[in-house]
Each structure stands twice: as structure tokens, then as C-alpha cells.
């Protein structure tokens, strides 16, 4: 458990990807196989089911520490995190036995065994465990037990660390981590280290990613004759692979999403073997794209029902053909790949397999005018691709550019604040913003990025001085600060009081020049919804 707790500390104390990858690699070399498989389960959202509810846990901790309930609640409000509060209180109580060093798997398996225990037996077992752990281990253990897991480790980061630690291709690791597995029915050796016949067949190619470009740079540096333009569709970038009579659909994040899009998988059965398509999974109906919010209803769902398939239909808009008849054709010119792609799409002739058509233009002025239609067509702008370009790996400059339209913006008033996580755990850095509805401020978005460290410290000081009420880790604050919020899309939502949800909201700037009376109104958001939703 000490090794795992040290890993969590190392990850939490750095925001650098390489530091996190190195910490994970070191851990995977040191930990036993059972701890490794449980670590993968925790980091890939396969936590054990909760066996003790938080109300009982709070009750027991107040008893063990001999403090009144109100003091526990006040401590919780100040700290803002239940696991951290418990770890601090038990440390101050002098409870600790540093001689015990059981592995992570021991504690998780003990938690699982509590499912069949009585309340009193659970209490006794937890007290023994807490006495064995130091403060950081208690914090981590409580996070596992309460399912309050939020660590800065993506599945992509785990995949990269495993790939480097065991010298296995990253795509193969990503594939092995997919599916319905559990540490209770797989060993680390079986899941990660043993070779599978499907590894090569399912392997995607590294995605070619574009850098952003400004209008003035296009006009100054690029010759329009050498370039083709396409709409930048708003969906999930993916690859569809058909090899050895099997279909695999990968997202750009190297997540295997075949089961989430059964209609695409069924369509792909008709592709010839040895085909890899690069494109965009997009919500689409009656000949036009739907908002990204519709597509989001498919993301994260384990069970894709017939009703969901009907409510959120999708298509695959093809950008490129990168493997043809089993041959890697990435080094061929884009114009040649486009020619082969058109032939293939014509042969398949399926309504959910579409081409990302090139836009006809003679000069940049004409394309600038065409680009103004982006938002009405529910696209993010344009892609510019050199006609003779090869399909490269990763984000490279020169041959592909993304020419996005400016985000939508709205001015909102901060009404709630919450402490962040990781290096921001001591700062109020997560804000809820509101707009005016007559005389009332209505919350419409949450944002936690966009400010400098110096600005965040000033806002944190304001929150602490101007708190009106406390609700657990959240504080209601005096409505005084105005922030300009940028966002990529807008849609109707019955889950929000405003009736509106924003896509990728973030703080563009702190409007210290604006009084709250000049913040936007709900009617302004509704107008944007009517125009762009």
C-alpha cells in the first residue's frame, strides 16, 4: 500500500506528463502482479463497489477521534474533501502503526469481503485497517472505499506508461485494456503481458493532427492552388479498421469504441479486408449534422439501447484512406488517397459512410466568405490540407492546418466557488457562473481554467473574504466578479436550471472593468441557442 500511496502523491504533485509516466513506470516495475492489476482497475474506472456508506463512516470516525459531529462537519467544510478530512483527523488522534505494510490488493480484497459482513464487523475491520496505515495511505484507502476517485491519470497515460515499461506497442496495450475484465477474473500476466492473435489485426495507425493557423498567415504564406479545404466536423475522431474479417473502431484517444457504435461496426463488415479509414464519428440525421451534445449521449454508456440508437444516430465522415487492400498507403500523396477513397465509398454505397468533400474555391477571399457559414453548418471551421501531403504521425506543422472559427462568448457573474484538486487543492479555482433573468442570477456554466496563477490567488482571496454560505466544499459568494466565458457550442438541456448547456466552457478573461449589472442576460444565451443550437 505504501508504494501505491507514494505513486498517488507523485502523480498529484506534478502536472507534467513525463513525470507522471515515469512515476507509473517505476511503480509497475516494483509492484507485485496483483497490485498492478488492481491499479489498472482503479485507473480505468473499474473500482470495487462501495461496501460502507459515508454516513456510517463519518459516525465511526467521530467516535474513534472523540470529537463532536459539528466539529467533524466544520473540518470537512474547511478541508473540502472527505478522505483528506478523515486522514487528518485520525492522524491528529495519534492512531498509526508504521510497522505494517500490506499490499494494495490486500486492502481492496478486504473491502470486497465486507459485502457479506454485519455493520459492527465492518466497523471493527475498518478500525484495524486505519490503525495500520499512515496518513497518506488512509487518504488513498478512503478514496478507494468511497469511490471518490479523481486522480490526474488518463487511460492514455496508463497506456503510455505500460507500453514503455514493458516494451509493448501502445496500441496493443490500449486494446488489451478494453473490454469487460476484472482483477477478480484476470491476472496482470493474462491481461497485459500475454500475446494475442488479435493484437496486430486491431492495431490503429497514429493519428495525423493539425496545428491551428490564423487567417493572416494563410493569406501571407499559402498558395491556394496547392491546398484543398474541408469542413472541420464536430464529433469524435476515429479510425475504422477491417482486417481478417474483424472490425475495430478506435477513437483518437486510443480507446476501442466498437461496441458503442454498433451501426458503424455493422456497416464496416462490408468493407474489404485490409482497410483503414480515418474520419469523424458524428451525430447526423436527415442529411445534416446534429449538435455534439446528441453524440455525448452515446459516450460513456455501457448499454447502447435501440431507443438511444434512434435518438442519437451517427455517421462516419471519412477524411482519409490510410490502408488499402492490406497496404499502408500513408506515404502516397493525399490526392491519390482521395481518389482511392472515392472509389471505395462508391463501391460500399452506405448512407452512414460519407466523404468529407473538398470545398471549391479559387482564392482565399472566397474561402474566407465560405468559412463564415461554419457555425450554421454545425462545424468548427475548416481544415486545410496540402494536396501532395503524406499522412504523418502526430501533430506536425506544414501540410495540415486547422482554421477554426472564434468561440462564442458570454459574460457571467461568479456565484459559487469550490476548491480544486491536485496543485490547486488549497485554492478556490472551480467557479459557477450566472446570467441575469430579470432580477435573479441563474447559473449557466462551470469553469475552472483560463486564469493565470496570480489571478486565481486574487479570486481565492475574494472568495474567502466574501463567502455568504457553505455547502460542504462549495461556497456561495457575494456576486461581484464578472468573467468572460468562451465556449465551442450550445444546446438545450433540461438538467440545468438555465435550460442550456455549453460545450467546453472556459474563462477567456476576468472582466475587472465590468460591474455585474453589465453581465449578460439569460435571453442572450437563448438567442445563441436559437441561432447555433
Protein backbone atom coordinates (compact mmCIF):
# COMPACT_ATOMS: atom_id res chain seq x y z
CA UNK A 1 0.00 0.00 0.00
CA UNK A 2 2.93 2.31 0.69
CA UNK A 3 4.11 2.01 -2.93
CA UNK A 4 0.65 2.83 -4.27
CA UNK A 5 0.22 5.79 -1.88
CA UNK A 6 3.63 7.08 -2.96
CA UNK A 7 2.54 6.76 -6.60
CA UNK A 8 -0.59 8.83 -5.96
CA UNK A 9 1.47 11.50 -4.21
CA UNK A 10 3.96 11.64 -7.10
CA UNK A 11 1.18 11.97 -9.67
CA UNK A 12 -0.70 14.57 -7.66
CA UNK A 13 2.35 16.78 -7.13
CA UNK A 14 3.14 17.25 -10.82
CA UNK A 15 1.21 18.45 -13.84
CA UNK A 16 3.90 17.26 -16.26
CA UNK A 17 3.05 14.23 -18.36
CA UNK A 18 6.61 12.84 -18.33
CA UNK A 19 6.76 12.99 -14.52
CA UNK A 20 3.51 11.03 -14.25
CA UNK A 21 4.60 8.47 -16.84
CA UNK A 22 7.93 7.94 -15.07
CA UNK A 23 6.19 7.53 -11.70
CA UNK A 24 3.85 4.92 -13.21
CA UNK A 25 6.69 3.06 -14.92
CA UNK A 26 8.65 2.91 -11.66
CA UNK A 27 5.58 1.63 -9.82
CA UNK A 28 4.83 -1.08 -12.40
CA UNK A 29 8.41 -2.33 -12.13
CA UNK A 30 8.23 -2.55 -8.31
CA UNK A 31 4.68 -3.65 -7.51
CA UNK A 32 3.52 -7.26 -7.34
CA UNK A 33 1.26 -8.52 -10.12
CA UNK A 34 -1.91 -8.43 -8.04
CA UNK A 35 -1.30 -4.80 -7.09
CA UNK A 36 -0.59 -3.98 -10.74
CA UNK A 37 -3.92 -5.40 -11.94
CA UNK A 38 -5.85 -3.57 -9.21
CA UNK A 39 -4.03 -0.34 -10.04
CA UNK A 40 -5.14 -0.71 -13.65
CA UNK A 41 -8.69 -1.36 -12.48
CA UNK A 42 -8.72 1.79 -10.33
CA UNK A 43 -7.32 3.96 -13.11
CA UNK A 44 -9.69 2.57 -15.77
CA UNK A 45 -12.91 3.07 -13.79
CA UNK A 46 -13.25 -0.50 -12.54
CA UNK A 47 -13.39 0.33 -8.83
CA UNK A 48 -14.86 -2.21 -6.40
CA UNK A 49 -18.45 -1.49 -5.39
CA UNK A 50 -18.91 0.59 -2.27
CA UNK A 51 -19.34 -1.55 0.86
CA UNK A 52 -19.59 1.17 3.53
CA UNK A 53 -21.75 4.27 3.20
CA UNK A 54 -20.28 7.67 4.10
CA UNK A 55 -22.80 8.40 6.86
CA UNK A 56 -21.63 5.38 8.85
CA UNK A 57 -18.01 6.23 8.12
CA UNK A 58 -18.43 9.77 9.49
CA UNK A 59 -20.17 8.39 12.57
CA UNK A 60 -17.36 5.93 13.28
CA UNK A 61 -14.57 8.47 12.74
CA UNK A 62 -16.16 10.92 15.18
CA UNK A 63 -16.36 8.09 17.71
CA UNK A 64 -12.74 6.99 17.20
CA UNK A 65 -11.42 10.56 17.38
CA UNK A 66 -13.81 11.54 20.21
CA UNK A 67 -14.89 14.77 18.55
CA UNK A 68 -18.46 16.09 18.24
CA UNK A 69 -20.28 15.75 14.94
CA UNK A 70 -20.37 19.53 14.37
CA UNK A 71 -16.57 19.69 14.56
CA UNK A 72 -16.25 16.89 12.00
CA UNK A 73 -18.60 18.77 9.66
CA UNK A 74 -16.74 22.04 10.16
CA UNK A 75 -13.42 20.29 9.46
CA UNK A 76 -14.91 18.77 6.33
CA UNK A 77 -16.11 22.17 5.12
CA UNK A 78 -12.68 23.69 5.64
CA UNK A 79 -10.76 20.82 4.00
CA UNK A 80 -13.32 20.22 1.25
CA UNK A 81 -12.56 16.51 0.80
CA UNK A 82 -13.95 13.66 2.92
CA UNK A 83 -10.96 11.32 2.53
CA UNK A 84 -8.49 14.05 3.39
CA UNK A 85 -10.58 15.12 6.40
CA UNK A 86 -10.63 11.56 7.77
CA UNK A 87 -6.89 11.12 7.18
CA UNK A 88 -6.08 14.36 9.03
CA UNK A 89 -8.41 13.65 11.95
CA UNK A 90 -7.10 10.14 12.51
CA UNK A 91 -3.51 11.38 12.30
CA UNK A 92 -4.21 14.03 14.94
CA UNK A 93 -5.72 11.29 17.07
CA UNK A 94 -2.30 9.58 17.21
CA UNK A 95 -3.53 6.37 15.59
CA UNK A 96 -0.81 4.82 13.43
CA UNK A 97 1.19 1.61 13.15
CA UNK A 98 4.03 2.12 10.69
CA UNK A 99 5.34 -1.45 11.00
CA UNK A 100 2.54 -2.93 8.86
CA UNK A 101 2.95 -2.82 5.08
CA UNK A 102 0.26 -4.91 3.43
CA UNK A 103 -0.11 -4.63 -0.36
CA UNK A 104 -2.83 -2.64 -2.12
CA UNK A 105 -4.57 -5.84 -3.23
CA UNK A 106 -4.92 -6.98 0.40
CA UNK A 107 -6.91 -3.87 1.34
CA UNK A 108 -9.11 -3.97 -1.77
CA UNK A 109 -9.87 -7.64 -1.29
CA UNK A 110 -10.65 -6.93 2.37
CA UNK A 111 -13.08 -4.22 1.26
CA UNK A 112 -14.76 -6.67 -1.12
CA UNK A 113 -15.10 -9.21 1.70
CA UNK A 114 -17.04 -6.63 3.75
CA UNK A 115 -20.02 -7.05 1.43
CA UNK A 116 -21.16 -10.05 3.47
CA UNK A 117 -20.30 -8.60 6.90
CA UNK A 118 -22.55 -7.02 9.50
CA UNK A 119 -22.30 -3.30 10.28
CA UNK A 120 -20.44 -3.99 13.51
CA UNK A 121 -17.98 -6.30 11.74
CA UNK A 122 -17.36 -3.64 9.09
CA UNK A 123 -16.67 -1.07 11.79
CA UNK A 124 -14.18 -3.32 13.59
CA UNK A 125 -12.37 -4.24 10.37
CA UNK A 126 -12.07 -0.59 9.25
CA UNK A 127 -10.68 0.47 12.62
CA UNK A 128 -7.98 -2.20 12.34
CA UNK A 129 -7.13 -1.06 8.81
CA UNK A 130 -6.93 2.62 9.71
CA UNK A 131 -4.56 1.81 12.59
CA UNK A 132 -2.25 0.02 10.13
CA UNK A 133 -1.98 2.92 7.69
CA UNK A 134 -0.15 6.24 7.74
CA UNK A 135 -1.90 9.49 6.84
CA UNK A 136 -1.38 9.36 3.06
CA UNK A 137 -2.32 5.67 2.93
CA UNK A 138 -5.53 6.41 4.87
CA UNK A 139 -6.37 9.15 2.37
CA UNK A 140 -5.88 6.79 -0.57
CA UNK A 141 -7.70 3.90 1.12
CA UNK A 142 -10.71 6.11 1.91
CA UNK A 143 -10.81 7.32 -1.69
CA UNK A 144 -10.94 3.73 -2.88
CA UNK A 145 -13.58 2.76 -0.31
CA UNK A 146 -15.89 5.71 -1.01
CA UNK A 147 -15.41 5.62 -4.80
CA UNK A 148 -14.30 9.25 -4.61
CA UNK A 149 -11.54 8.61 -7.11
CA UNK A 150 -10.32 11.61 -9.08
CA UNK A 151 -6.64 11.41 -9.98
CA UNK A 152 -4.91 13.16 -12.88
CA UNK A 153 -4.27 9.95 -14.81
CA UNK A 154 -5.99 9.33 -18.13
CA UNK A 155 -6.22 5.90 -19.72
CA UNK A 156 -3.92 7.23 -22.41
CA UNK A 157 -1.29 8.00 -19.75
CA UNK A 158 -1.61 4.50 -18.29
CA UNK A 159 -1.29 3.02 -21.78
CA UNK A 160 1.86 5.04 -22.47
CA UNK A 161 3.45 4.02 -19.15
CA UNK A 162 2.71 0.32 -19.66
CA UNK A 163 3.95 0.48 -23.22
CA UNK A 164 7.29 1.97 -22.16
CA UNK A 165 7.67 -0.15 -19.03
CA UNK A 166 7.14 -3.50 -20.80
CA UNK A 167 8.19 -2.52 -24.34
CA UNK A 168 4.83 -3.40 -25.89
CA UNK A 169 3.25 -1.32 -28.65
CA UNK A 170 0.92 1.33 -27.21
CA UNK A 171 -1.97 0.35 -29.49
CA UNK A 172 -1.68 -3.26 -28.33
CA UNK A 173 -1.78 -2.18 -24.67
CA UNK A 174 -4.82 0.02 -25.37
CA UNK A 175 -6.59 -2.92 -26.97
CA UNK A 176 -5.78 -5.25 -24.08
CA UNK A 177 -7.19 -2.75 -21.56
CA UNK A 178 -10.54 -2.63 -23.35
CA UNK A 179 -13.49 -4.90 -22.71
CA UNK A 180 -15.20 -6.44 -19.73
CA UNK A 181 -12.36 -7.55 -17.45
CA UNK A 182 -11.90 -7.51 -13.69
CA UNK A 183 -8.98 -8.22 -11.33
CA UNK A 184 -11.21 -10.93 -9.90
CA UNK A 185 -11.07 -12.91 -13.16
CA UNK A 186 -7.79 -11.79 -14.82
CA UNK A 187 -4.16 -11.68 -13.76
CA UNK A 188 -1.78 -8.95 -14.89
CA UNK A 189 0.13 -11.55 -16.90
CA UNK A 190 -3.00 -12.68 -18.73
CA UNK A 191 -4.30 -9.18 -19.40
CA UNK A 192 -1.16 -7.26 -20.35
CA UNK A 193 1.84 -9.49 -20.99
CA UNK A 194 0.47 -12.46 -22.89
CA UNK A 195 0.36 -12.13 -26.68
CA UNK A 196 -2.94 -12.28 -28.53
CA UNK A 197 -3.61 -13.13 -32.16
CA UNK A 198 -5.82 -10.03 -32.42
CA UNK A 199 -3.07 -7.60 -31.41
CA UNK A 200 -1.77 -6.93 -34.92
CA UNK A 201 -5.15 -7.14 -36.62
CA UNK A 202 -6.66 -4.49 -34.37
CA UNK A 203 -3.75 -2.05 -34.36
CA UNK A 204 -4.65 1.51 -35.49
CA UNK A 205 -2.21 3.97 -37.03
CA UNK A 206 -1.04 7.06 -35.13
CA UNK A 207 -3.41 9.91 -35.98
CA UNK A 208 -2.17 12.85 -38.05
CA UNK A 209 -3.09 16.03 -36.15
CA UNK A 210 -3.15 19.60 -37.43
CA UNK A 211 -1.83 22.80 -35.90
CA UNK A 212 -4.07 25.91 -35.74
CA UNK A 213 -3.46 28.71 -38.23
CA UNK A 214 -4.58 32.35 -38.38
CA UNK A 215 -6.29 33.99 -41.34
CA UNK A 216 -3.46 36.48 -41.87
CA UNK A 217 -0.89 33.66 -42.02
CA UNK A 218 -2.95 31.80 -44.63
CA UNK A 219 -3.15 34.83 -46.89
CA UNK A 220 0.51 35.63 -46.42
CA UNK A 221 2.16 32.20 -46.62
CA UNK A 222 -0.02 29.75 -48.54
CA UNK A 223 -0.68 29.38 -52.27
CA UNK A 224 -4.38 28.42 -52.71
CA UNK A 225 -3.61 26.29 -55.79
CA UNK A 226 -1.65 23.82 -53.63
CA UNK A 227 -4.34 23.33 -50.98
CA UNK A 228 -7.69 21.64 -50.52
CA UNK A 229 -10.23 22.71 -47.91
CA UNK A 230 -12.74 20.59 -45.96
CA UNK A 231 -15.17 21.34 -43.16
CA UNK A 232 -13.86 20.58 -39.68
CA UNK A 233 -16.65 18.37 -38.38
CA UNK A 234 -17.51 18.33 -34.69
CA UNK A 235 -17.51 14.78 -33.40
CA UNK A 236 -15.13 12.03 -32.30
CA UNK A 237 -12.07 11.49 -34.47
CA UNK A 238 -11.68 7.81 -35.15
CA UNK A 239 -10.32 5.01 -37.30
CA UNK A 240 -12.39 2.14 -38.67
CA UNK A 241 -10.32 -0.99 -39.27
CA UNK A 242 -11.35 -4.11 -41.18
CA UNK A 243 -8.77 -6.90 -41.12
CA UNK A 244 -9.10 -10.69 -41.12
CA UNK A 245 -12.91 -10.38 -41.23
CA UNK A 246 -12.91 -8.44 -37.96
CA UNK A 247 -13.90 -4.81 -37.35
CA UNK A 248 -12.31 -2.44 -34.86
CA UNK A 249 -13.27 1.18 -34.24
CA UNK A 250 -10.77 3.34 -32.36
CA UNK A 251 -11.11 6.88 -31.04
CA UNK A 252 -8.26 9.38 -31.26
CA UNK A 253 -7.67 8.82 -27.56
CA UNK A 254 -6.83 5.20 -28.48
CA UNK A 255 -10.00 3.88 -26.91
CA UNK A 256 -11.66 0.92 -28.58
CA UNK A 257 -15.26 2.06 -29.15
CA UNK A 258 -16.56 -0.66 -31.48
CA UNK A 259 -19.35 -1.69 -29.09
CA UNK A 260 -20.53 1.90 -28.62
CA UNK A 261 -21.31 2.29 -32.34
CA UNK A 262 -22.88 -1.00 -33.48
CA UNK A 263 -24.35 0.54 -36.64
CA UNK A 264 -20.87 1.63 -37.77
CA UNK A 265 -19.47 -1.81 -36.94
CA UNK A 266 -22.23 -3.45 -39.00
CA UNK A 267 -21.54 -1.11 -41.91
CA UNK A 268 -17.80 -1.79 -41.68
CA UNK A 269 -18.41 -5.53 -42.15
CA UNK A 270 -18.98 -4.66 -45.82
CA UNK A 271 -15.52 -3.07 -46.17
CA UNK A 272 -12.85 -5.19 -47.88
CA UNK A 273 -10.23 -6.74 -45.61
CA UNK A 274 -7.11 -4.63 -45.23
CA UNK A 275 -8.97 -1.30 -44.99
CA UNK A 276 -8.31 1.51 -42.51
CA UNK A 277 -10.37 4.71 -42.67
CA UNK A 278 -9.63 7.91 -40.79
CA UNK A 279 -12.60 10.16 -40.10
CA UNK A 280 -15.12 11.66 -37.71
CA UNK A 281 -17.92 9.88 -35.85
CA UNK A 282 -20.67 12.50 -35.97
CA UNK A 283 -24.28 12.66 -34.84
CA UNK A 284 -26.22 13.05 -38.09
CA UNK A 285 -29.82 12.93 -39.28
CA UNK A 286 -31.79 13.90 -42.39
CA UNK A 287 -28.70 14.97 -44.29
CA UNK A 288 -27.20 17.30 -41.70
CA UNK A 289 -25.06 17.08 -38.54
CA UNK A 290 -26.61 17.28 -35.09
CA UNK A 291 -25.03 19.02 -32.10
CA UNK A 292 -22.17 17.38 -30.25
CA UNK A 293 -24.49 17.13 -27.25
CA UNK A 294 -26.50 14.48 -29.08
CA UNK A 295 -23.35 12.45 -29.67
CA UNK A 296 -22.45 12.80 -25.99
CA UNK A 297 -25.48 10.69 -25.05
CA UNK A 298 -23.66 7.75 -26.67
CA UNK A 299 -20.35 8.38 -24.91
CA UNK A 300 -19.85 6.66 -21.58
CA UNK A 301 -22.89 4.39 -21.98
CA UNK A 302 -22.21 0.72 -21.41
CA UNK A 303 -25.51 -0.37 -22.93
CA UNK A 304 -26.49 1.12 -26.28
CA UNK A 305 -30.25 0.60 -26.47
CA UNK A 306 -32.44 0.68 -29.58
CA UNK A 307 -34.02 3.87 -28.27
CA UNK A 308 -30.59 5.53 -27.93
CA UNK A 309 -29.62 4.44 -31.45
CA UNK A 310 -32.78 6.11 -32.71
CA UNK A 311 -32.35 9.31 -30.71
CA UNK A 312 -28.65 9.73 -31.49
CA UNK A 313 -27.97 8.36 -34.99
CA UNK A 314 -24.38 8.61 -36.22
CA UNK A 315 -22.40 8.54 -39.44
CA UNK A 316 -18.70 8.19 -40.19
CA UNK A 317 -17.39 11.10 -42.26
CA UNK A 318 -14.23 9.87 -43.97
CA UNK A 319 -11.19 12.14 -44.06
CA UNK A 320 -8.66 9.70 -45.41
CA UNK A 321 -7.88 6.16 -46.53
CA UNK A 322 -4.60 5.09 -44.91
CA UNK A 323 -4.60 1.34 -45.55
CA UNK A 324 -5.91 -0.14 -48.77
CA UNK A 325 -6.01 -3.87 -49.67
CA UNK A 326 -3.74 -4.54 -46.70
CA UNK A 327 -1.12 -2.00 -47.80
CA UNK A 328 -0.07 1.01 -45.73
CA UNK A 329 -0.56 3.93 -48.16
CA UNK A 330 0.21 6.82 -45.79
CA UNK A 331 3.26 7.82 -47.85
CA UNK A 332 1.18 8.28 -51.00
CA UNK A 333 0.01 11.81 -51.88
CA UNK A 334 -3.30 12.98 -50.40
CA UNK A 335 -4.74 13.45 -53.92
CA UNK A 336 -4.05 9.76 -54.68
CA UNK A 337 -5.51 8.61 -51.36
CA UNK A 338 -8.60 10.73 -52.03
CA UNK A 339 -9.04 9.06 -55.41
CA UNK A 340 -8.92 5.57 -53.84
CA UNK A 341 -11.27 6.68 -51.05
CA UNK A 342 -13.90 7.92 -53.50
CA UNK A 343 -13.76 4.61 -55.37
CA UNK A 344 -14.18 2.68 -52.12
CA UNK A 345 -17.11 4.79 -50.88
CA UNK A 346 -18.83 4.47 -54.24
CA UNK A 347 -18.42 0.69 -54.08
CA UNK A 348 -19.75 0.42 -50.48
CA UNK A 349 -22.54 2.96 -51.07
CA UNK A 350 -23.75 3.09 -47.48
CA UNK A 351 -25.72 6.10 -46.15
CA UNK A 352 -23.77 6.20 -42.87
CA UNK A 353 -20.36 6.17 -44.57
CA UNK A 354 -19.80 9.64 -46.01
CA UNK A 355 -16.93 11.53 -47.63
CA UNK A 356 -15.56 14.78 -46.26
CA UNK A 357 -15.95 16.61 -49.55
CA UNK A 358 -13.42 19.18 -50.73
CA UNK A 359 -14.70 22.74 -50.93
CA UNK A 360 -14.32 24.50 -54.27
CA UNK A 361 -12.52 27.88 -54.05
CA UNK A 362 -10.33 29.97 -56.29
CA UNK A 363 -8.70 32.29 -53.78
CA UNK A 364 -8.51 32.88 -50.02
CA UNK A 365 -11.07 35.73 -50.09
CA UNK A 366 -13.71 33.36 -51.42
CA UNK A 367 -12.80 30.71 -48.81
CA UNK A 368 -13.00 33.30 -46.02
CA UNK A 369 -16.59 34.01 -47.07
CA UNK A 370 -17.40 30.28 -47.20
CA UNK A 371 -15.89 29.81 -43.73
CA UNK A 372 -18.43 32.26 -42.29
CA UNK A 373 -21.08 29.53 -42.77
CA UNK A 374 -19.25 27.21 -40.33
CA UNK A 375 -21.40 27.63 -37.26
CA UNK A 376 -24.69 27.45 -39.18
CA UNK A 377 -23.48 24.12 -40.62
CA UNK A 378 -22.51 22.94 -37.11
CA UNK A 379 -18.82 22.71 -37.96
CA UNK A 380 -15.81 24.12 -36.10
CA UNK A 381 -14.32 25.82 -39.15
CA UNK A 382 -12.13 24.48 -41.94
CA UNK A 383 -9.24 22.07 -42.44
CA UNK A 384 -6.56 22.97 -44.96
CA UNK A 385 -4.55 20.10 -46.43
CA UNK A 386 -1.76 20.23 -48.98
CA UNK A 387 -2.79 18.19 -51.98
CA UNK A 388 0.53 16.34 -52.20
CA UNK A 389 0.84 15.73 -48.43
CA UNK A 390 1.59 12.32 -46.91
CA UNK A 391 -0.26 11.09 -43.82
CA UNK A 392 2.16 11.78 -40.97
CA UNK A 393 2.11 10.68 -37.33
CA UNK A 394 1.23 13.09 -34.54
CA UNK A 395 0.97 16.87 -34.64
CA UNK A 396 3.21 18.20 -37.43
CA UNK A 397 3.45 21.65 -38.98
CA UNK A 398 3.36 22.44 -42.68
CA UNK A 399 0.94 20.15 -44.52
CA UNK A 400 -2.29 20.17 -42.48
CA UNK A 401 -3.80 23.18 -40.69
CA UNK A 402 -7.00 23.68 -38.70
CA UNK A 403 -8.61 27.05 -39.35
CA UNK A 404 -11.20 27.24 -36.59
CA UNK A 405 -13.81 29.94 -36.09
CA UNK A 406 -13.71 32.07 -32.95
CA UNK A 407 -15.55 30.60 -29.94
CA UNK A 408 -18.83 32.02 -28.67
CA UNK A 409 -18.56 34.20 -25.56
CA UNK A 410 -20.81 35.39 -22.75
CA UNK A 411 -20.17 37.45 -19.62
CA UNK A 412 -21.23 35.74 -16.38
CA UNK A 413 -21.16 36.53 -12.68
CA UNK A 414 -19.45 34.15 -10.25
CA UNK A 415 -21.93 32.96 -7.60
CA UNK A 416 -20.34 29.73 -6.31
CA UNK A 417 -16.74 28.61 -5.81
CA UNK A 418 -15.16 25.28 -4.96
CA UNK A 419 -11.59 24.22 -4.23
CA UNK A 420 -9.69 22.50 -7.00
CA UNK A 421 -7.69 19.30 -6.99
CA UNK A 422 -4.01 18.41 -7.17
CA UNK A 423 -1.84 21.51 -7.02
CA UNK A 424 -5.00 23.64 -6.75
CA UNK A 425 -6.38 21.77 -3.74
CA UNK A 426 -5.84 24.81 -1.48
CA UNK A 427 -7.32 27.34 -3.90
CA UNK A 428 -10.89 28.15 -4.84
CA UNK A 429 -10.41 27.59 -8.56
CA UNK A 430 -13.68 25.98 -9.77
CA UNK A 431 -16.38 28.57 -10.38
CA UNK A 432 -20.09 28.54 -11.16
CA UNK A 433 -21.19 31.45 -13.35
CA UNK A 434 -24.63 33.01 -13.71
CA UNK A 435 -26.51 35.35 -16.04
CA UNK A 436 -29.41 37.68 -15.29
CA UNK A 437 -33.04 36.60 -15.62
CA UNK A 438 -34.77 39.85 -14.76
CA UNK A 439 -33.59 40.47 -11.15
CA UNK A 440 -32.34 36.92 -10.50
CA UNK A 441 -28.93 35.40 -11.27
CA UNK A 442 -29.36 32.00 -12.95
CA UNK A 443 -26.35 29.59 -13.06
CA UNK A 444 -25.44 28.54 -16.60
CA UNK A 445 -21.87 27.16 -16.61
CA UNK A 446 -18.95 25.88 -14.53
CA UNK A 447 -15.41 26.84 -15.44
CA UNK A 448 -12.03 26.01 -13.91
CA UNK A 449 -9.45 27.05 -16.49
CA UNK A 450 -8.30 30.21 -18.15
CA UNK A 451 -6.94 32.33 -15.29
CA UNK A 452 -3.28 32.88 -14.51
CA UNK A 453 -1.95 31.65 -11.16
CA UNK A 454 -1.78 35.24 -9.92
CA UNK A 455 -5.40 35.92 -10.91
CA UNK A 456 -6.52 32.69 -9.28
CA UNK A 457 -4.91 33.69 -5.99
CA UNK A 458 -6.75 37.02 -6.10
CA UNK A 459 -10.06 35.28 -6.76
CA UNK A 460 -9.31 32.81 -3.95
CA UNK A 461 -8.75 35.69 -1.53
CA UNK A 462 -12.01 37.29 -2.68
CA UNK A 463 -13.94 34.05 -2.12
CA UNK A 464 -12.60 33.65 1.42
CA UNK A 465 -13.48 37.25 2.32
CA UNK A 466 -16.89 37.26 0.64
CA UNK A 467 -18.38 33.87 1.49
CA UNK A 468 -22.12 34.04 2.20
CA UNK A 469 -22.90 30.34 2.83
CA UNK A 470 -21.10 26.99 2.92
CA UNK A 471 -22.43 23.76 1.47
CA UNK A 472 -19.77 21.12 2.03
CA UNK A 473 -16.84 22.06 -0.22
CA UNK A 474 -18.87 24.70 -2.08
CA UNK A 475 -19.18 28.34 -1.04
CA UNK A 476 -21.83 30.82 -2.09
CA UNK A 477 -20.07 34.13 -2.70
CA UNK A 478 -21.08 37.74 -2.97
CA UNK A 479 -21.95 38.35 -6.66
CA UNK A 480 -19.31 40.84 -7.69
CA UNK A 481 -16.80 39.26 -10.09
CA UNK A 482 -17.53 39.10 -13.83
CA UNK A 483 -15.79 36.67 -16.20
CA UNK A 484 -15.99 36.35 -19.95
CA UNK A 485 -16.69 32.69 -20.76
CA UNK A 486 -15.71 31.20 -24.12
CA UNK A 487 -17.35 28.01 -25.39
CA UNK A 488 -17.50 25.90 -28.56
CA UNK A 489 -21.17 25.01 -28.68
CA UNK A 490 -24.55 25.44 -27.05
CA UNK A 491 -27.56 23.17 -26.64
CA UNK A 492 -30.83 22.87 -24.76
CA UNK A 493 -30.68 20.90 -21.51
CA UNK A 494 -33.39 20.06 -19.00
CA UNK A 495 -30.70 19.12 -16.46
CA UNK A 496 -29.65 22.74 -15.99
CA UNK A 497 -31.66 25.49 -14.33
CA UNK A 498 -30.90 27.81 -17.22
CA UNK A 499 -32.22 25.21 -19.70
CA UNK A 500 -28.91 25.47 -21.53
CA UNK A 501 -25.63 23.53 -21.59
CA UNK A 502 -22.34 24.78 -23.05
CA UNK A 503 -19.59 22.77 -24.70
CA UNK A 504 -16.04 23.27 -23.39
CA UNK A 505 -16.71 26.39 -21.30
CA UNK A 506 -13.57 28.11 -20.03
CA UNK A 507 -12.65 31.54 -18.74
CA UNK A 508 -11.42 33.80 -21.52
CA UNK A 509 -10.68 36.76 -19.25
CA UNK A 510 -11.57 38.36 -15.94
CA UNK A 511 -13.70 41.40 -16.73
CA UNK A 512 -12.48 43.64 -13.92
CA UNK A 513 -13.74 46.57 -15.99
CA UNK A 514 -17.38 45.41 -15.81
CA UNK A 515 -19.92 45.78 -12.99
CA UNK A 516 -22.27 42.82 -12.54
CA UNK A 517 -25.17 44.86 -13.91
CA UNK A 518 -23.50 44.63 -17.34
CA UNK A 519 -23.24 40.83 -17.34
CA UNK A 520 -25.28 39.03 -19.98
CA UNK A 521 -28.91 38.00 -19.65
CA UNK A 522 -30.49 34.57 -19.99
CA UNK A 523 -32.22 35.91 -23.09
CA UNK A 524 -28.78 36.43 -24.68
CA UNK A 525 -27.98 32.75 -24.16
CA UNK A 526 -31.40 31.80 -25.54
CA UNK A 527 -30.71 33.83 -28.68
CA UNK A 528 -27.41 31.99 -29.16
CA UNK A 529 -29.23 28.69 -28.64
CA UNK A 530 -31.82 29.58 -31.26
CA UNK A 531 -29.10 30.59 -33.71
CA UNK A 532 -26.49 27.90 -33.12
CA UNK A 533 -28.09 25.13 -31.03
